[in-house]
PDB file of all heavy atoms in Angstrom:
ATOM      1  N   GLY A   1      69.255 149.556 115.837  1.00  0.00           N
ATOM      2  CA  GLY A   1      70.649 149.115 115.902  1.00  0.00           C
ATOM      3  C   GLY A   1      71.437 149.481 114.657  1.00  0.00           C
ATOM      4  O   GLY A   1      72.586 149.928 114.737  1.00  0.00           O
ATOM      5  N   LEU A   2      70.815 149.295 113.491  1.00  0.00           N
ATOM      6  CA  LEU A   2      71.492 149.671 112.247  1.00  0.00           C
ATOM      7  C   LEU A   2      71.709 151.176 112.192  1.00  0.00           C
ATOM      8  O   LEU A   2      72.785 151.649 111.798  1.00  0.00           O
ATOM      9  CB  LEU A   2      70.673 149.194 111.050  1.00  0.00           C
ATOM     10  CG  LEU A   2      70.629 147.674 110.851  1.00  0.00           C
ATOM     11  CD1 LEU A   2      69.591 147.301 109.803  1.00  0.00           C
ATOM     12  CD2 LEU A   2      72.004 147.131 110.464  1.00  0.00           C
ATOM     13  N   LYS A   3      70.701 151.924 112.610  1.00  0.00           N
ATOM     14  CA  LYS A   3      70.838 153.385 112.653  1.00  0.00           C
ATOM     15  C   LYS A   3      71.913 153.798 113.655  1.00  0.00           C
ATOM     16  O   LYS A   3      72.619 154.795 113.461  1.00  0.00           O
ATOM     17  CB  LYS A   3      69.501 154.020 113.024  1.00  0.00           C
ATOM     18  CG  LYS A   3      69.498 155.538 112.992  1.00  0.00           C
ATOM     19  CD  LYS A   3      68.130 156.095 113.342  1.00  0.00           C
ATOM     20  CE  LYS A   3      68.124 157.618 113.340  1.00  0.00           C
ATOM     21  NZ  LYS A   3      66.791 158.170 113.707  1.00  0.00           N
ATOM     22  N   GLY A   4      72.055 152.985 114.727  1.00  0.00           N
ATOM     23  CA  GLY A   4      73.056 153.267 115.754  1.00  0.00           C
ATOM     24  C   GLY A   4      74.470 152.867 115.365  1.00  0.00           C
ATOM     25  O   GLY A   4      75.383 152.999 116.178  1.00  0.00           O
ATOM     26  N   GLY A   5      74.635 152.348 114.153  1.00  0.00           N
ATOM     27  CA  GLY A   5      75.971 152.074 113.645  1.00  0.00           C
ATOM     28  C   GLY A   5      76.409 150.629 113.710  1.00  0.00           C
ATOM     29  O   GLY A   5      77.598 150.323 113.537  1.00  0.00           O
ATOM     30  N   SER A   6      75.468 149.701 113.925  1.00  0.00           N
ATOM     31  CA  SER A   6      75.854 148.306 114.052  1.00  0.00           C
ATOM     32  C   SER A   6      76.404 147.746 112.744  1.00  0.00           C
ATOM     33  O   SER A   6      75.862 147.968 111.664  1.00  0.00           O
ATOM     34  CB  SER A   6      74.658 147.455 114.485  1.00  0.00           C
ATOM     35  OG  SER A   6      75.015 146.092 114.534  1.00  0.00           O
ATOM     36  N   THR A   7      77.484 147.018 112.862  1.00  0.00           N
ATOM     37  CA  THR A   7      78.044 146.164 111.811  1.00  0.00           C
ATOM     38  C   THR A   7      78.481 144.883 112.503  1.00  0.00           C
ATOM     39  O   THR A   7      78.547 144.820 113.739  1.00  0.00           O
ATOM     40  CB  THR A   7      79.254 146.802 111.125  1.00  0.00           C
ATOM     41  OG1 THR A   7      80.292 146.988 112.123  1.00  0.00           O
ATOM     42  CG2 THR A   7      78.907 148.158 110.511  1.00  0.00           C
ATOM     43  N   VAL A   8      78.794 143.858 111.746  1.00  0.00           N
ATOM     44  CA  VAL A   8      79.302 142.637 112.360  1.00  0.00           C
ATOM     45  C   VAL A   8      80.566 142.937 113.167  1.00  0.00           C
ATOM     46  O   VAL A   8      80.726 142.471 114.301  1.00  0.00           O
ATOM     47  CB  VAL A   8      79.574 141.563 111.292  1.00  0.00           C
ATOM     48  CG1 VAL A   8      80.313 140.374 111.896  1.00  0.00           C
ATOM     49  CG2 VAL A   8      78.268 141.095 110.654  1.00  0.00           C
ATOM     50  N   ALA A   9      81.445 143.736 112.605  1.00  0.00           N
ATOM     51  CA  ALA A   9      82.678 144.077 113.309  1.00  0.00           C
ATOM     52  C   ALA A   9      82.398 144.823 114.604  1.00  0.00           C
ATOM     53  O   ALA A   9      83.069 144.607 115.629  1.00  0.00           O
ATOM     54  CB  ALA A   9      83.583 144.917 112.404  1.00  0.00           C
ATOM     55  N   LYS A  10      81.390 145.694 114.581  1.00  0.00           N
ATOM     56  CA  LYS A  10      81.037 146.469 115.770  1.00  0.00           C
ATOM     57  C   LYS A  10      80.473 145.555 116.861  1.00  0.00           C
ATOM     58  O   LYS A  10      80.749 145.733 118.045  1.00  0.00           O
ATOM     59  CB  LYS A  10      80.020 147.548 115.401  1.00  0.00           C
ATOM     60  CG  LYS A  10      80.009 148.740 116.347  1.00  0.00           C
ATOM     61  CD  LYS A  10      81.234 149.607 116.141  1.00  0.00           C
ATOM     62  CE  LYS A  10      81.153 150.887 116.956  1.00  0.00           C
ATOM     63  NZ  LYS A  10      82.428 151.637 116.908  1.00  0.00           N
ATOM     64  N   VAL A  11      79.666 144.567 116.460  1.00  0.00           N
ATOM     65  CA  VAL A  11      79.120 143.621 117.429  1.00  0.00           C
ATOM     66  C   VAL A  11      80.252 142.832 118.091  1.00  0.00           C
ATOM     67  O   VAL A  11      80.271 142.654 119.313  1.00  0.00           O
ATOM     68  CB  VAL A  11      78.118 142.661 116.748  1.00  0.00           C
ATOM     69  CG1 VAL A  11      77.637 141.602 117.743  1.00  0.00           C
ATOM     70  CG2 VAL A  11      76.920 143.435 116.193  1.00  0.00           C
ATOM     71  N   LEU A  12      81.202 142.376 117.300  1.00  0.00           N
ATOM     72  CA  LEU A  12      82.322 141.620 117.860  1.00  0.00           C
ATOM     73  C   LEU A  12      83.191 142.503 118.766  1.00  0.00           C
ATOM     74  O   LEU A  12      83.697 142.044 119.791  1.00  0.00           O
ATOM     75  CB  LEU A  12      83.164 141.012 116.741  1.00  0.00           C
ATOM     76  CG  LEU A  12      82.429 140.008 115.837  1.00  0.00           C
ATOM     77  CD1 LEU A  12      83.390 139.430 114.808  1.00  0.00           C
ATOM     78  CD2 LEU A  12      81.768 138.908 116.639  1.00  0.00           C
ATOM     79  N   GLU A  13      83.334 143.750 118.384  1.00  0.00           N
ATOM     80  CA  GLU A  13      84.068 144.689 119.256  1.00  0.00           C
ATOM     81  C   GLU A  13      83.352 144.826 120.599  1.00  0.00           C
ATOM     82  O   GLU A  13      83.999 144.854 121.658  1.00  0.00           O
ATOM     83  CB  GLU A  13      84.163 146.053 118.574  1.00  0.00           C
ATOM     84  CG  GLU A  13      84.846 147.119 119.434  1.00  0.00           C
ATOM     85  CD  GLU A  13      84.716 148.510 118.842  1.00  0.00           C
ATOM     86  OE1 GLU A  13      84.896 148.658 117.620  1.00  0.00           O
ATOM     87  OE2 GLU A  13      84.428 149.458 119.603  1.00  0.00           O
ATOM     88  N   MET A  14      82.032 144.896 120.570  1.00  0.00           N
ATOM     89  CA  MET A  14      81.248 145.015 121.803  1.00  0.00           C
ATOM     90  C   MET A  14      81.473 143.802 122.702  1.00  0.00           C
ATOM     91  O   MET A  14      81.667 143.940 123.916  1.00  0.00           O
ATOM     92  CB  MET A  14      79.761 145.157 121.464  1.00  0.00           C
ATOM     93  CG  MET A  14      78.860 145.269 122.678  1.00  0.00           C
ATOM     94  SD  MET A  14      77.103 145.300 122.228  1.00  0.00           S
ATOM     95  CE  MET A  14      77.069 146.802 121.237  1.00  0.00           C
ATOM     96  N   VAL A  15      81.469 142.609 122.112  1.00  0.00           N
ATOM     97  CA  VAL A  15      81.708 141.405 122.904  1.00  0.00           C
ATOM     98  C   VAL A  15      83.110 141.429 123.505  1.00  0.00           C
ATOM     99  O   VAL A  15      83.308 141.104 124.683  1.00  0.00           O
ATOM    100  CB  VAL A  15      81.517 140.136 122.049  1.00  0.00           C
ATOM    101  CG1 VAL A  15      81.881 138.881 122.855  1.00  0.00           C
ATOM    102  CG2 VAL A  15      80.085 140.037 121.543  1.00  0.00           C
ATOM    103  N   GLY A  16      84.081 141.855 122.716  1.00  0.00           N
ATOM    104  CA  GLY A  16      85.437 141.944 123.219  1.00  0.00           C
ATOM    105  C   GLY A  16      85.565 142.897 124.400  1.00  0.00           C
ATOM    106  O   GLY A  16      86.265 142.593 125.379  1.00  0.00           O
ATOM    107  N   ARG A  17      84.878 144.006 124.336  1.00  0.00           N
ATOM    108  CA  ARG A  17      84.926 144.963 125.450  1.00  0.00           C
ATOM    109  C   ARG A  17      84.201 144.403 126.673  1.00  0.00           C
ATOM    110  O   ARG A  17      84.631 144.624 127.810  1.00  0.00           O
ATOM    111  CB  ARG A  17      84.338 146.303 125.012  1.00  0.00           C
ATOM    112  CG  ARG A  17      85.202 147.010 123.970  1.00  0.00           C
ATOM    113  CD  ARG A  17      84.695 148.396 123.651  1.00  0.00           C
ATOM    114  NE  ARG A  17      84.779 149.295 124.795  1.00  0.00           N
ATOM    115  CZ  ARG A  17      84.292 150.543 124.799  1.00  0.00           C
ATOM    116  NH1 ARG A  17      83.699 151.022 123.707  1.00  0.00           N
ATOM    117  NH2 ARG A  17      84.406 151.292 125.867  1.00  0.00           N
ATOM    118  N   PHE A  18      83.114 143.672 126.459  1.00  0.00           N
ATOM    119  CA  PHE A  18      82.430 143.005 127.569  1.00  0.00           C
ATOM    120  C   PHE A  18      83.370 142.015 128.253  1.00  0.00           C
ATOM    121  O   PHE A  18      83.415 141.923 129.484  1.00  0.00           O
ATOM    122  CB  PHE A  18      81.183 142.292 127.037  1.00  0.00           C
ATOM    123  CG  PHE A  18      80.519 141.383 128.029  1.00  0.00           C
ATOM    124  CD1 PHE A  18      79.688 141.885 129.017  1.00  0.00           C
ATOM    125  CD2 PHE A  18      80.725 139.998 127.985  1.00  0.00           C
ATOM    126  CE1 PHE A  18      79.066 141.037 129.939  1.00  0.00           C
ATOM    127  CE2 PHE A  18      80.116 139.144 128.892  1.00  0.00           C
ATOM    128  CZ  PHE A  18      79.279 139.674 129.877  1.00  0.00           C
ATOM    129  N   ARG A  19      84.129 141.272 127.457  1.00  0.00           N
ATOM    130  CA  ARG A  19      85.018 140.250 128.005  1.00  0.00           C
ATOM    131  C   ARG A  19      86.154 140.839 128.845  1.00  0.00           C
ATOM    132  O   ARG A  19      86.753 140.127 129.655  1.00  0.00           O
ATOM    133  CB  ARG A  19      85.616 139.407 126.872  1.00  0.00           C
ATOM    134  CG  ARG A  19      84.641 138.400 126.304  1.00  0.00           C
ATOM    135  CD  ARG A  19      84.447 137.211 127.228  1.00  0.00           C
ATOM    136  NE  ARG A  19      83.398 136.318 126.719  1.00  0.00           N
ATOM    137  CZ  ARG A  19      82.361 135.925 127.415  1.00  0.00           C
ATOM    138  NH1 ARG A  19      82.197 136.326 128.667  1.00  0.00           N
ATOM    139  NH2 ARG A  19      81.464 135.113 126.900  1.00  0.00           N
ATOM    140  N   GLU A  20      86.432 142.110 128.677  1.00  0.00           N
ATOM    141  CA  GLU A  20      87.464 142.737 129.504  1.00  0.00           C
ATOM    142  C   GLU A  20      87.107 142.666 130.989  1.00  0.00           C
ATOM    143  O   GLU A  20      87.987 142.646 131.851  1.00  0.00           O
ATOM    144  CB  GLU A  20      87.665 144.192 129.086  1.00  0.00           C
ATOM    145  CG  GLU A  20      88.259 144.356 127.694  1.00  0.00           C
ATOM    146  CD  GLU A  20      88.204 145.801 127.211  1.00  0.00           C
ATOM    147  OE1 GLU A  20      87.723 146.671 127.981  1.00  0.00           O
ATOM    148  OE2 GLU A  20      88.621 146.066 126.066  1.00  0.00           O
ATOM    149  N   GLY A  21      85.803 142.621 131.285  1.00  0.00           N
ATOM    150  CA  GLY A  21      85.378 142.599 132.683  1.00  0.00           C
ATOM    151  C   GLY A  21      84.598 141.367 133.082  1.00  0.00           C
ATOM    152  O   GLY A  21      84.196 141.233 134.241  1.00  0.00           O
ATOM    153  N   ASP A  22      84.336 140.450 132.127  1.00  0.00           N
ATOM    154  CA  ASP A  22      83.536 139.258 132.425  1.00  0.00           C
ATOM    155  C   ASP A  22      84.039 138.103 131.568  1.00  0.00           C
ATOM    156  O   ASP A  22      83.840 138.090 130.355  1.00  0.00           O
ATOM    157  CB  ASP A  22      82.054 139.521 132.138  1.00  0.00           C
ATOM    158  CG  ASP A  22      81.140 138.387 132.615  1.00  0.00           C
ATOM    159  OD1 ASP A  22      81.484 137.213 132.375  1.00  0.00           O
ATOM    160  OD2 ASP A  22      80.076 138.679 133.193  1.00  0.00           O
ATOM    161  N   SER A  23      84.677 137.155 132.218  1.00  0.00           N
ATOM    162  CA  SER A  23      85.219 136.011 131.483  1.00  0.00           C
ATOM    163  C   SER A  23      84.357 134.765 131.644  1.00  0.00           C
ATOM    164  O   SER A  23      84.718 133.695 131.138  1.00  0.00           O
ATOM    165  CB  SER A  23      86.640 135.702 131.967  1.00  0.00           C
ATOM    166  OG  SER A  23      86.630 135.404 133.353  1.00  0.00           O
ATOM    167  N   ASP A  24      83.216 134.887 132.336  1.00  0.00           N
ATOM    168  CA  ASP A  24      82.425 133.713 132.683  1.00  0.00           C
ATOM    169  C   ASP A  24      81.072 133.619 131.981  1.00  0.00           C
ATOM    170  O   ASP A  24      80.627 132.513 131.664  1.00  0.00           O
ATOM    171  CB  ASP A  24      82.176 133.669 134.192  1.00  0.00           C
ATOM    172  CG  ASP A  24      83.461 133.519 134.991  1.00  0.00           C
ATOM    173  OD1 ASP A  24      84.348 132.780 134.538  1.00  0.00           O
ATOM    174  OD2 ASP A  24      83.578 134.162 136.049  1.00  0.00           O
ATOM    175  N   THR A  25      80.384 134.730 131.768  1.00  0.00           N
ATOM    176  CA  THR A  25      79.024 134.687 131.243  1.00  0.00           C
ATOM    177  C   THR A  25      79.029 134.297 129.772  1.00  0.00           C
ATOM    178  O   THR A  25      79.643 134.981 128.947  1.00  0.00           O
ATOM    179  CB  THR A  25      78.332 136.053 131.399  1.00  0.00           C
ATOM    180  OG1 THR A  25      78.382 136.452 132.771  1.00  0.00           O
ATOM    181  CG2 THR A  25      76.879 135.974 130.943  1.00  0.00           C
ATOM    182  N   PRO A  26      78.339 133.222 129.404  1.00  0.00           N
ATOM    183  CA  PRO A  26      78.306 132.824 127.994  1.00  0.00           C
ATOM    184  C   PRO A  26      77.569 133.853 127.132  1.00  0.00           C
ATOM    185  O   PRO A  26      76.535 134.393 127.529  1.00  0.00           O
ATOM    186  CB  PRO A  26      77.550 131.490 128.012  1.00  0.00           C
ATOM    187  CG  PRO A  26      77.711 130.984 129.409  1.00  0.00           C
ATOM    188  CD  PRO A  26      77.698 132.212 130.267  1.00  0.00           C
ATOM    189  N   ILE A  27      78.111 134.093 125.946  1.00  0.00           N
ATOM    190  CA  ILE A  27      77.526 135.023 124.984  1.00  0.00           C
ATOM    191  C   ILE A  27      77.190 134.252 123.705  1.00  0.00           C
ATOM    192  O   ILE A  27      78.039 133.560 123.137  1.00  0.00           O
ATOM    193  CB  ILE A  27      78.512 136.162 124.630  1.00  0.00           C
ATOM    194  CG1 ILE A  27      78.793 137.028 125.859  1.00  0.00           C
ATOM    195  CG2 ILE A  27      77.972 137.001 123.472  1.00  0.00           C
ATOM    196  CD1 ILE A  27      77.623 137.863 126.322  1.00  0.00           C
ATOM    197  N   VAL A  28      75.949 134.393 123.277  1.00  0.00           N
ATOM    198  CA  VAL A  28      75.485 133.754 122.054  1.00  0.00           C
ATOM    199  C   VAL A  28      75.001 134.844 121.100  1.00  0.00           C
ATOM    200  O   VAL A  28      74.199 135.694 121.476  1.00  0.00           O
ATOM    201  CB  VAL A  28      74.327 132.775 122.349  1.00  0.00           C
ATOM    202  CG1 VAL A  28      73.836 132.118 121.063  1.00  0.00           C
ATOM    203  CG2 VAL A  28      74.755 131.714 123.357  1.00  0.00           C
ATOM    204  N   LEU A  29      75.512 134.819 119.879  1.00  0.00           N
ATOM    205  CA  LEU A  29      75.044 135.754 118.861  1.00  0.00           C
ATOM    206  C   LEU A  29      73.868 135.136 118.125  1.00  0.00           C
ATOM    207  O   LEU A  29      73.919 133.968 117.711  1.00  0.00           O
ATOM    208  CB  LEU A  29      76.153 136.083 117.864  1.00  0.00           C
ATOM    209  CG  LEU A  29      77.397 136.775 118.401  1.00  0.00           C
ATOM    210  CD1 LEU A  29      78.311 137.176 117.237  1.00  0.00           C
ATOM    211  CD2 LEU A  29      77.060 137.985 119.257  1.00  0.00           C
ATOM    212  N   MET A  30      72.807 135.926 117.966  1.00  0.00           N
ATOM    213  CA  MET A  30      71.624 135.449 117.242  1.00  0.00           C
ATOM    214  C   MET A  30      71.397 136.361 116.050  1.00  0.00           C
ATOM    215  O   MET A  30      71.343 137.589 116.194  1.00  0.00           O
ATOM    216  CB  MET A  30      70.398 135.448 118.148  1.00  0.00           C
ATOM    217  CG  MET A  30      69.171 134.811 117.511  1.00  0.00           C
ATOM    218  SD  MET A  30      67.866 134.523 118.739  1.00  0.00           S
ATOM    219  CE  MET A  30      66.719 133.514 117.797  1.00  0.00           C
ATOM    220  N   GLY A  31      71.304 135.758 114.869  1.00  0.00           N
ATOM    221  CA  GLY A  31      71.122 136.595 113.700  1.00  0.00           C
ATOM    222  C   GLY A  31      70.856 135.773 112.462  1.00  0.00           C
ATOM    223  O   GLY A  31      70.374 134.634 112.530  1.00  0.00           O
ATOM    224  N   TYR A  32      71.213 136.345 111.335  1.00  0.00           N
ATOM    225  CA  TYR A  32      70.890 135.776 110.029  1.00  0.00           C
ATOM    226  C   TYR A  32      72.161 135.558 109.221  1.00  0.00           C
ATOM    227  O   TYR A  32      73.209 136.143 109.502  1.00  0.00           O
ATOM    228  CB  TYR A  32      69.907 136.706 109.309  1.00  0.00           C
ATOM    229  CG  TYR A  32      68.580 136.785 110.018  1.00  0.00           C
ATOM    230  CD1 TYR A  32      68.388 137.646 111.101  1.00  0.00           C
ATOM    231  CD2 TYR A  32      67.521 135.969 109.643  1.00  0.00           C
ATOM    232  CE1 TYR A  32      67.184 137.698 111.778  1.00  0.00           C
ATOM    233  CE2 TYR A  32      66.302 136.011 110.307  1.00  0.00           C
ATOM    234  CZ  TYR A  32      66.141 136.876 111.376  1.00  0.00           C
ATOM    235  OH  TYR A  32      64.940 136.916 112.051  1.00  0.00           O
ATOM    236  N   LEU A  33      72.038 134.721 108.209  1.00  0.00           N
ATOM    237  CA  LEU A  33      73.206 134.274 107.472  1.00  0.00           C
ATOM    238  C   LEU A  33      73.826 135.358 106.599  1.00  0.00           C
ATOM    239  O   LEU A  33      75.045 135.391 106.413  1.00  0.00           O
ATOM    240  CB  LEU A  33      72.825 133.064 106.613  1.00  0.00           C
ATOM    241  CG  LEU A  33      73.965 132.328 105.918  1.00  0.00           C
ATOM    242  CD1 LEU A  33      74.990 131.825 106.923  1.00  0.00           C
ATOM    243  CD2 LEU A  33      73.413 131.165 105.099  1.00  0.00           C
ATOM    244  N   ASN A  34      73.008 136.242 106.061  1.00  0.00           N
ATOM    245  CA  ASN A  34      73.504 137.213 105.091  1.00  0.00           C
ATOM    246  C   ASN A  34      74.705 138.022 105.608  1.00  0.00           C
ATOM    247  O   ASN A  34      75.730 138.114 104.920  1.00  0.00           O
ATOM    248  CB  ASN A  34      72.368 138.135 104.636  1.00  0.00           C
ATOM    249  CG  ASN A  34      72.771 139.063 103.521  1.00  0.00           C
ATOM    250  OD1 ASN A  34      73.474 140.032 103.757  1.00  0.00           O
ATOM    251  ND2 ASN A  34      72.315 138.791 102.300  1.00  0.00           N
ATOM    252  N   PRO A  35      74.633 138.634 106.802  1.00  0.00           N
ATOM    253  CA  PRO A  35      75.797 139.402 107.278  1.00  0.00           C
ATOM    254  C   PRO A  35      77.046 138.535 107.486  1.00  0.00           C
ATOM    255  O   PRO A  35      78.167 139.004 107.252  1.00  0.00           O
ATOM    256  CB  PRO A  35      75.313 139.996 108.611  1.00  0.00           C
ATOM    257  CG  PRO A  35      73.823 140.026 108.487  1.00  0.00           C
ATOM    258  CD  PRO A  35      73.475 138.798 107.705  1.00  0.00           C
ATOM    259  N   ILE A  36      76.839 137.278 107.903  1.00  0.00           N
ATOM    260  CA  ILE A  36      77.981 136.383 108.090  1.00  0.00           C
ATOM    261  C   ILE A  36      78.594 136.023 106.745  1.00  0.00           C
ATOM    262  O   ILE A  36      79.821 135.978 106.586  1.00  0.00           O
ATOM    263  CB  ILE A  36      77.548 135.120 108.849  1.00  0.00           C
ATOM    264  CG1 ILE A  36      77.108 135.497 110.263  1.00  0.00           C
ATOM    265  CG2 ILE A  36      78.669 134.088 108.887  1.00  0.00           C
ATOM    266  CD1 ILE A  36      76.508 134.345 111.042  1.00  0.00           C
ATOM    267  N   GLY A  37      77.731 135.775 105.759  1.00  0.00           N
ATOM    268  CA  GLY A  37      78.236 135.473 104.424  1.00  0.00           C
ATOM    269  C   GLY A  37      79.025 136.619 103.840  1.00  0.00           C
ATOM    270  O   GLY A  37      80.066 136.419 103.204  1.00  0.00           O
ATOM    271  N   ALA A  38      78.550 137.838 104.076  1.00  0.00           N
ATOM    272  CA  ALA A  38      79.260 139.017 103.566  1.00  0.00           C
ATOM    273  C   ALA A  38      80.598 139.205 104.274  1.00  0.00           C
ATOM    274  O   ALA A  38      81.586 139.622 103.667  1.00  0.00           O
ATOM    275  CB  ALA A  38      78.387 140.255 103.736  1.00  0.00           C
ATOM    276  N   TYR A  39      80.622 138.887 105.562  1.00  0.00           N
ATOM    277  CA  TYR A  39      81.845 139.034 106.351  1.00  0.00           C
ATOM    278  C   TYR A  39      82.859 137.939 105.993  1.00  0.00           C
ATOM    279  O   TYR A  39      84.072 138.154 106.044  1.00  0.00           O
ATOM    280  CB  TYR A  39      81.474 138.947 107.837  1.00  0.00           C
ATOM    281  CG  TYR A  39      82.541 139.369 108.809  1.00  0.00           C
ATOM    282  CD1 TYR A  39      82.625 140.684 109.259  1.00  0.00           C
ATOM    283  CD2 TYR A  39      83.451 138.444 109.318  1.00  0.00           C
ATOM    284  CE1 TYR A  39      83.587 141.065 110.185  1.00  0.00           C
ATOM    285  CE2 TYR A  39      84.420 138.808 110.245  1.00  0.00           C
ATOM    286  CZ  TYR A  39      84.479 140.131 110.669  1.00  0.00           C
ATOM    287  OH  TYR A  39      85.439 140.513 111.581  1.00  0.00           O
ATOM    288  N   GLY A  40      82.322 136.757 105.640  1.00  0.00           N
ATOM    289  CA  GLY A  40      83.162 135.585 105.374  1.00  0.00           C
ATOM    290  C   GLY A  40      83.052 134.609 106.518  1.00  0.00           C
ATOM    291  O   GLY A  40      83.482 134.940 107.641  1.00  0.00           O
ATOM    292  N   PRO A  41      82.454 133.419 106.327  1.00  0.00           N
ATOM    293  CA  PRO A  41      82.203 132.501 107.434  1.00  0.00           C
ATOM    294  C   PRO A  41      83.441 132.121 108.243  1.00  0.00           C
ATOM    295  O   PRO A  41      83.396 132.113 109.477  1.00  0.00           O
ATOM    296  CB  PRO A  41      81.601 131.276 106.733  1.00  0.00           C
ATOM    297  CG  PRO A  41      80.964 131.826 105.497  1.00  0.00           C
ATOM    298  CD  PRO A  41      81.872 132.942 105.053  1.00  0.00           C
TER     299      PRO A  41
END
């Protein structure tokens, strides 16, 4: 995933594009604190 270009912003963009066609399925992000801390909680 990191090699494929993943960043926190990219993950959120992916969720946003998913939501364009699905407003019902719950999405849960699973990860670690470090990237969130760097992004700003």
